[in-house]
C-alpha atoms as a PDB file:
ATOM      1  CA  MET A   1      28.680   1.896  16.796  1.00  0.00           C
ATOM      2  CA  LYS A   2      26.770  -1.380  16.373  1.00  0.00           C
ATOM      3  CA  LEU A   3      25.416  -1.014  19.894  1.00  0.00           C
ATOM      4  CA  ALA A   4      24.176   2.504  19.131  1.00  0.00           C
ATOM      5  CA  VAL A   5      22.388   1.331  15.976  1.00  0.00           C
ATOM      6  CA  LEU A   6      20.835  -1.601  17.860  1.00  0.00           C
ATOM      7  CA  PHE A   7      19.635   0.744  20.615  1.00  0.00           C
ATOM      8  CA  LEU A   8      18.123   3.094  18.023  1.00  0.00           C
ATOM      9  CA  LEU A   9      16.296   0.252  16.264  1.00  0.00           C
ATOM     10  CA  VAL A  10      14.895  -1.106  19.536  1.00  0.00           C
ATOM     11  CA  THR A  11      13.748   2.371  20.565  1.00  0.00           C
ATOM     12  CA  VAL A  12      12.017   3.046  17.229  1.00  0.00           C
ATOM     13  CA  THR A  13      10.353  -0.387  17.248  1.00  0.00           C
ATOM     14  CA  ALA A  14       9.095   0.045  20.802  1.00  0.00           C
ATOM     15  CA  ALA A  15       7.756   3.517  20.035  1.00  0.00           C
ATOM     16  CA  ALA A  16       5.860   2.226  16.992  1.00  0.00           C
ATOM     17  CA  GLN A  17       3.875  -0.257  19.057  1.00  0.00           C
ATOM     18  CA  THR A  18       0.722   0.877  20.778  1.00  0.00           C
ATOM     19  CA  PRO A  19      -0.319  -0.754  24.046  1.00  0.00           C
ATOM     20  CA  GLU A  20      -3.373  -3.002  23.803  1.00  0.00           C
ATOM     21  CA  GLY A  21      -6.575  -1.178  24.635  1.00  0.00           C
ATOM     22  CA  SER A  22      -5.426   2.195  23.296  1.00  0.00           C
ATOM     23  CA  ARG A  23      -6.638   1.667  19.747  1.00  0.00           C
ATOM     24  CA  PRO A  24      -8.722   4.387  18.117  1.00  0.00           C
ATOM     25  CA  VAL A  25     -12.407   3.906  18.903  1.00  0.00           C
ATOM     26  CA  THR A  26     -14.315   7.030  17.922  1.00  0.00           C
ATOM     27  CA  ASP A  27     -14.571   8.268  14.348  1.00  0.00           C
ATOM     28  CA  SER A  28     -12.379  11.272  15.143  1.00  0.00           C
ATOM     29  CA  GLU A  29      -9.722   9.013  16.713  1.00  0.00           C
ATOM     30  CA  LYS A  30      -9.837   6.708  13.674  1.00  0.00           C
ATOM     31  CA  MET A  31      -9.454   9.685  11.324  1.00  0.00           C
ATOM     32  CA  ALA A  32      -6.496  11.039  13.288  1.00  0.00           C
ATOM     33  CA  ASP A  33      -4.885   7.594  13.281  1.00  0.00           C
ATOM     34  CA  ALA A  34      -5.383   7.172   9.515  1.00  0.00           C
ATOM     35  CA  LEU A  35      -3.979  10.633   8.809  1.00  0.00           C
ATOM     36  CA  ARG A  36      -0.692   9.673  10.528  1.00  0.00           C
ATOM     37  CA  ALA A  37       0.056   7.141   7.794  1.00  0.00           C
ATOM     38  CA  ALA A  38       1.289   9.428   5.025  1.00  0.00           C
ATOM     39  CA  PRO A  39       2.610  12.903   4.281  1.00  0.00           C
ATOM     40  CA  THR A  40       0.143  15.769   4.108  1.00  0.00           C
ATOM     41  CA  PHE A  41       0.315  15.980   0.312  1.00  0.00           C
ATOM     42  CA  ILE A  42      -1.296  12.496   0.296  1.00  0.00           C
ATOM     43  CA  THR A  43      -3.702  12.794   3.246  1.00  0.00           C
ATOM     44  CA  LYS A  44      -5.120  16.290   2.651  1.00  0.00           C
ATOM     45  CA  ASN A  45      -7.384  15.114  -0.209  1.00  0.00           C
ATOM     46  CA  ALA A  46      -7.613  11.412   0.650  1.00  0.00           C
ATOM     47  CA  THR A  47     -10.818   9.590   1.530  1.00  0.00           C
ATOM     48  CA  ILE A  48     -10.662   8.321   5.110  1.00  0.00           C
ATOM     49  CA  LEU A  49     -12.287   4.913   5.520  1.00  0.00           C
ATOM     50  CA  ASP A  50     -13.067   2.620   8.428  1.00  0.00           C
ATOM     51  CA  TRP A  51     -12.564  -1.143   8.167  1.00  0.00           C
ATOM     52  CA  PRO A  52     -15.638  -3.264   7.404  1.00  0.00           C
ATOM     53  CA  ALA A  53     -17.383  -4.872  10.362  1.00  0.00           C
ATOM     54  CA  THR A  54     -17.536  -8.239   8.548  1.00  0.00           C
ATOM     55  CA  LYS A  55     -15.395 -10.094   6.014  1.00  0.00           C
ATOM     56  CA  GLY A  56     -16.252  -8.747   2.569  1.00  0.00           C
ATOM     57  CA  GLY A  57     -18.341  -5.937   4.088  1.00  0.00           C
ATOM     58  CA  GLU A  58     -18.430  -2.290   3.107  1.00  0.00           C
ATOM     59  CA  TYR A  59     -15.759   0.187   4.130  1.00  0.00           C
ATOM     60  CA  ARG A  60     -17.459   3.060   5.956  1.00  0.00           C
ATOM     61  CA  VAL A  61     -16.506   6.547   4.741  1.00  0.00           C
ATOM     62  CA  LEU A  62     -15.369   8.777   7.601  1.00  0.00           C
ATOM     63  CA  ARG A  63     -14.386  11.641   5.287  1.00  0.00           C
ATOM     64  CA  LYS A  64     -14.922  11.874   1.531  1.00  0.00           C
ATOM     65  CA  GLY A  65     -11.845  12.961  -0.368  1.00  0.00           C
ATOM     66  CA  THR A  66     -11.157  14.228  -3.869  1.00  0.00           C
ATOM     67  CA  SER A  67      -8.036  12.216  -4.753  1.00  0.00           C
ATOM     68  CA  GLU A  68      -7.533   8.533  -5.579  1.00  0.00           C
ATOM     69  CA  TRP A  69      -5.963   7.924  -2.143  1.00  0.00           C
ATOM     70  CA  ASN A  70      -7.746   6.065   0.672  1.00  0.00           C
ATOM     71  CA  CYS A  71      -6.478   6.043   4.247  1.00  0.00           C
ATOM     72  CA  LEU A  72      -7.420   3.576   6.973  1.00  0.00           C
ATOM     73  CA  PRO A  73      -6.724   3.504  10.709  1.00  0.00           C
ATOM     74  CA  ALA A  74      -4.828   0.596  12.225  1.00  0.00           C
ATOM     75  CA  PHE A  75      -6.370  -2.800  11.507  1.00  0.00           C
ATOM     76  CA  PRO A  76      -8.586  -3.850  14.463  1.00  0.00           C
ATOM     77  CA  GLY A  77      -7.090  -6.627  16.552  1.00  0.00           C
ATOM     78  CA  TYR A  78      -3.631  -6.369  14.981  1.00  0.00           C
ATOM     79  CA  SER A  79      -0.791  -6.205  17.497  1.00  0.00           C
ATOM     80  CA  HIS A  80       0.779  -3.094  15.920  1.00  0.00           C
ATOM     81  CA  ASP A  81      -0.734   0.319  15.313  1.00  0.00           C
ATOM     82  CA  GLU A  82      -0.116   0.566  11.573  1.00  0.00           C
ATOM     83  CA  PRO A  83      -2.484   2.919   9.742  1.00  0.00           C
ATOM     84  CA  GLY A  84      -2.078   3.155   5.987  1.00  0.00           C
ATOM     85  CA  CYS A  85      -2.838   5.217   2.911  1.00  0.00           C
ATOM     86  CA  PHE A  86      -3.265   3.397  -0.388  1.00  0.00           C
ATOM     87  CA  ASP A  87      -3.579   4.322  -4.041  1.00  0.00           C
ATOM     88  CA  ALA A  88      -6.406   2.785  -6.094  1.00  0.00           C
ATOM     89  CA  ALA A  89      -4.456  -0.341  -7.140  1.00  0.00           C
ATOM     90  CA  PHE A  90      -3.260  -1.134  -3.632  1.00  0.00           C
ATOM     91  CA  MET A  91      -6.713  -0.478  -2.165  1.00  0.00           C
ATOM     92  CA  LEU A  92      -8.244  -2.893  -4.660  1.00  0.00           C
ATOM     93  CA  TRP A  93      -5.714  -5.539  -3.568  1.00  0.00           C
ATOM     94  CA  ILE A  94      -6.613  -4.951   0.117  1.00  0.00           C
ATOM     95  CA  LYS A  95     -10.372  -5.114  -0.485  1.00  0.00           C
ATOM     96  CA  GLU A  96     -10.256  -8.258  -2.633  1.00  0.00           C
ATOM     97  CA  SER A  97      -7.708 -10.044  -0.433  1.00  0.00           C
ATOM     98  CA  LEU A  98      -9.557  -9.390   2.814  1.00  0.00           C
ATOM     99  CA  ALA A  99     -12.847 -10.424   1.204  1.00  0.00           C
ATOM    100  CA  GLY A 100     -11.277 -13.794   0.379  1.00  0.00           C
ATOM    101  CA  LEU A 101     -11.199 -13.119  -3.361  1.00  0.00           C
ATOM    102  CA  GLU A 102      -8.349 -13.559  -5.822  1.00  0.00           C
ATOM    103  CA  PRO A 103      -6.986 -10.024  -6.398  1.00  0.00           C
ATOM    104  CA  HIS A 104      -7.063  -8.809 -10.014  1.00  0.00           C
ATOM    105  CA  ILE A 105      -4.220  -6.327 -10.163  1.00  0.00           C
ATOM    106  CA  ASP A 106      -3.074  -4.769 -13.438  1.00  0.00           C
ATOM    107  CA  ARG A 107      -0.451  -2.337 -12.125  1.00  0.00           C
ATOM    108  CA  VAL A 108       1.864  -1.654  -9.210  1.00  0.00           C
ATOM    109  CA  GLY A 109       0.156  -0.191  -6.138  1.00  0.00           C
ATOM    110  CA  ILE A 110       1.629   2.310  -3.692  1.00  0.00           C
ATOM    111  CA  ALA A 111       1.063   2.417   0.061  1.00  0.00           C
ATOM    112  CA  TYR A 112       2.234   4.613   2.920  1.00  0.00           C
ATOM    113  CA  MET A 113       2.269   3.031   6.360  1.00  0.00           C
END
């Protein structure tokens, strides 16, 4: 039984990794990647963003949404393909942290990855 569980974990981990060079490049590829991060009830009205080109830069809107959720494709240069969808609190934490600022969080944030 332990061997079966180990095999399953190794298989799932290997499937979750994307070979280098196959990252989303075009806007449509980035949108599709970001939309994989969460269930449809989250992604259908979420704003789809692209990562800023520079530290502290602006997040480019790929699709404007009507909910508080923001979805991003996998982080460029990261070894795993891990897109994510974030509520307003979690998105604020991401933006401030990656800009080198001290995050000012006043509630728990939720993320799907």
